[in-house]
Amino acid sequence: MAVVYLTRVEKFNAAHKLWISEWTEEENFAYLENVPIKTGTDIIILYLLPSKVL
């Protein structure tokens, strides 16, 4: 029997914002200094599903 593979690639960015909403913009920048306000991680997921062909 032959095997067929179904492949799917998903790409996304898991991002978050470093910010304290109760503080002013000046307080946030003073506390966080040069830390990026928005940061994230690029994620790639590869699905590989084998299936037998009858």
N, C-alpha and C. Protein backbone atom coordinates (compact mmCIF):
# COMPACT_ATOMS: atom_id res chain seq x y z
N MET A 1 0.83 -1.20 0.00
CA MET A 1 0.00 0.00 0.00
C MET A 1 0.88 1.26 0.00
N ALA A 2 0.44 2.24 -0.72
CA ALA A 2 1.15 3.51 -0.77
C ALA A 2 0.76 4.38 0.43
N VAL A 3 1.67 5.26 0.80
CA VAL A 3 1.40 6.19 1.89
C VAL A 3 1.41 7.61 1.32
N VAL A 4 0.38 8.36 1.62
CA VAL A 4 0.26 9.76 1.21
C VAL A 4 0.42 10.62 2.45
N TYR A 5 1.14 11.73 2.32
CA TYR A 5 1.36 12.64 3.45
C TYR A 5 0.65 13.96 3.19
N LEU A 6 -0.09 14.39 4.17
CA LEU A 6 -0.74 15.69 4.13
C LEU A 6 0.07 16.61 5.04
N THR A 7 0.53 17.72 4.48
CA THR A 7 1.37 18.65 5.24
C THR A 7 0.68 20.00 5.34
N ARG A 8 0.77 20.59 6.51
CA ARG A 8 0.20 21.93 6.72
C ARG A 8 1.17 22.72 7.58
N VAL A 9 1.40 23.97 7.23
CA VAL A 9 2.29 24.85 7.98
C VAL A 9 1.48 26.01 8.53
N GLU A 10 1.61 26.26 9.81
CA GLU A 10 0.95 27.39 10.46
C GLU A 10 2.04 28.32 11.01
N LYS A 11 1.93 29.61 10.71
CA LYS A 11 2.88 30.61 11.20
C LYS A 11 2.10 31.69 11.95
N PHE A 12 2.59 32.04 13.12
CA PHE A 12 1.96 33.13 13.87
C PHE A 12 2.97 33.75 14.83
N ASN A 13 2.60 34.87 15.40
CA ASN A 13 3.45 35.58 16.34
C ASN A 13 2.72 35.63 17.67
N ALA A 14 3.36 35.09 18.71
CA ALA A 14 2.81 35.14 20.07
C ALA A 14 3.37 36.41 20.72
N ALA A 15 2.63 37.49 20.62
CA ALA A 15 3.11 38.79 21.09
C ALA A 15 2.42 39.21 22.38
N HIS A 16 3.09 40.05 23.12
CA HIS A 16 2.50 40.64 24.31
C HIS A 16 3.03 42.06 24.46
N LYS A 17 2.34 42.83 25.26
CA LYS A 17 2.69 44.22 25.45
C LYS A 17 3.12 44.43 26.89
N LEU A 18 4.30 45.01 27.07
CA LEU A 18 4.78 45.33 28.41
C LEU A 18 4.28 46.72 28.77
N TRP A 19 3.27 46.76 29.61
CA TRP A 19 2.63 48.04 29.93
C TRP A 19 1.81 47.88 31.20
N ILE A 20 1.84 48.87 32.07
CA ILE A 20 1.01 48.87 33.28
C ILE A 20 -0.04 49.95 33.07
N SER A 21 -1.28 49.54 32.88
CA SER A 21 -2.34 50.46 32.47
C SER A 21 -2.68 51.52 33.51
N GLU A 22 -2.38 51.24 34.78
CA GLU A 22 -2.69 52.23 35.82
C GLU A 22 -1.68 53.38 35.84
N TRP A 23 -0.55 53.22 35.16
CA TRP A 23 0.49 54.23 35.14
C TRP A 23 0.36 55.12 33.91
N THR A 24 0.97 56.29 33.98
CA THR A 24 1.02 57.17 32.81
C THR A 24 2.07 56.65 31.83
N GLU A 25 2.04 57.22 30.64
CA GLU A 25 3.03 56.84 29.63
C GLU A 25 4.46 57.13 30.12
N GLU A 26 4.64 58.27 30.77
CA GLU A 26 5.96 58.65 31.28
C GLU A 26 6.44 57.66 32.35
N GLU A 27 5.53 57.24 33.25
CA GLU A 27 5.91 56.27 34.30
C GLU A 27 6.30 54.93 33.69
N ASN A 28 5.54 54.48 32.70
CA ASN A 28 5.86 53.21 32.05
C ASN A 28 7.23 53.26 31.39
N PHE A 29 7.52 54.32 30.63
CA PHE A 29 8.81 54.42 29.96
C PHE A 29 9.95 54.57 30.96
N ALA A 30 9.71 55.29 32.06
CA ALA A 30 10.75 55.45 33.08
C ALA A 30 11.05 54.12 33.76
N TYR A 31 10.04 53.33 34.04
CA TYR A 31 10.22 52.05 34.72
C TYR A 31 10.81 50.99 33.79
N LEU A 32 10.30 50.95 32.55
CA LEU A 32 10.74 49.92 31.60
C LEU A 32 12.02 50.30 30.88
N GLU A 33 12.44 51.56 30.97
CA GLU A 33 13.64 52.09 30.34
C GLU A 33 13.67 51.74 28.86
N ASN A 34 14.64 50.97 28.41
CA ASN A 34 14.78 50.68 26.98
C ASN A 34 14.20 49.33 26.59
N VAL A 35 13.40 48.73 27.45
CA VAL A 35 12.77 47.45 27.13
C VAL A 35 11.73 47.69 26.05
N PRO A 36 11.69 46.84 25.03
CA PRO A 36 10.66 47.02 23.99
C PRO A 36 9.26 46.96 24.59
N ILE A 37 8.40 47.85 24.17
CA ILE A 37 7.04 47.88 24.67
C ILE A 37 6.25 46.69 24.11
N LYS A 38 6.45 46.39 22.82
CA LYS A 38 5.79 45.23 22.24
C LYS A 38 6.86 44.21 21.90
N THR A 39 6.66 42.99 22.32
CA THR A 39 7.63 41.94 22.04
C THR A 39 6.88 40.66 21.70
N GLY A 40 7.53 39.78 20.99
CA GLY A 40 6.85 38.55 20.60
C GLY A 40 7.81 37.51 20.08
N THR A 41 7.27 36.35 19.84
CA THR A 41 8.03 35.22 19.33
C THR A 41 7.34 34.68 18.09
N ASP A 42 8.09 34.54 17.01
CA ASP A 42 7.54 33.93 15.80
C ASP A 42 7.53 32.41 15.97
N ILE A 43 6.39 31.80 15.72
CA ILE A 43 6.22 30.36 15.89
C ILE A 43 5.78 29.74 14.57
N ILE A 44 6.42 28.64 14.21
CA ILE A 44 6.06 27.89 13.02
C ILE A 44 5.74 26.47 13.46
N ILE A 45 4.56 25.99 13.11
CA ILE A 45 4.13 24.62 13.44
C ILE A 45 3.96 23.88 12.12
N LEU A 46 4.56 22.72 12.03
CA LEU A 46 4.46 21.88 10.84
C LEU A 46 3.71 20.61 11.21
N TYR A 47 2.57 20.41 10.56
CA TYR A 47 1.77 19.20 10.75
C TYR A 47 2.09 18.24 9.60
N LEU A 48 2.36 16.99 9.90
CA LEU A 48 2.61 15.99 8.88
C LEU A 48 1.76 14.76 9.22
N LEU A 49 0.74 14.51 8.40
CA LEU A 49 -0.19 13.42 8.66
C LEU A 49 -0.06 12.34 7.58
N PRO A 50 0.41 11.16 7.95
CA PRO A 50 0.49 10.07 6.98
C PRO A 50 -0.85 9.33 6.87
N SER A 51 -1.14 8.84 5.69
CA SER A 51 -2.36 8.07 5.48
C SER A 51 -2.09 6.99 4.44
N LYS A 52 -2.59 5.80 4.68
CA LYS A 52 -2.43 4.70 3.71
C LYS A 52 -3.50 4.82 2.64
N VAL A 53 -3.10 4.60 1.40
CA VAL A 53 -4.03 4.64 0.26
C VAL A 53 -4.41 3.20 -0.07
N LEU A 54 -5.70 2.94 -0.12
CA LEU A 54 -6.17 1.58 -0.42
C LEU A 54 -6.21 1.30 -1.91
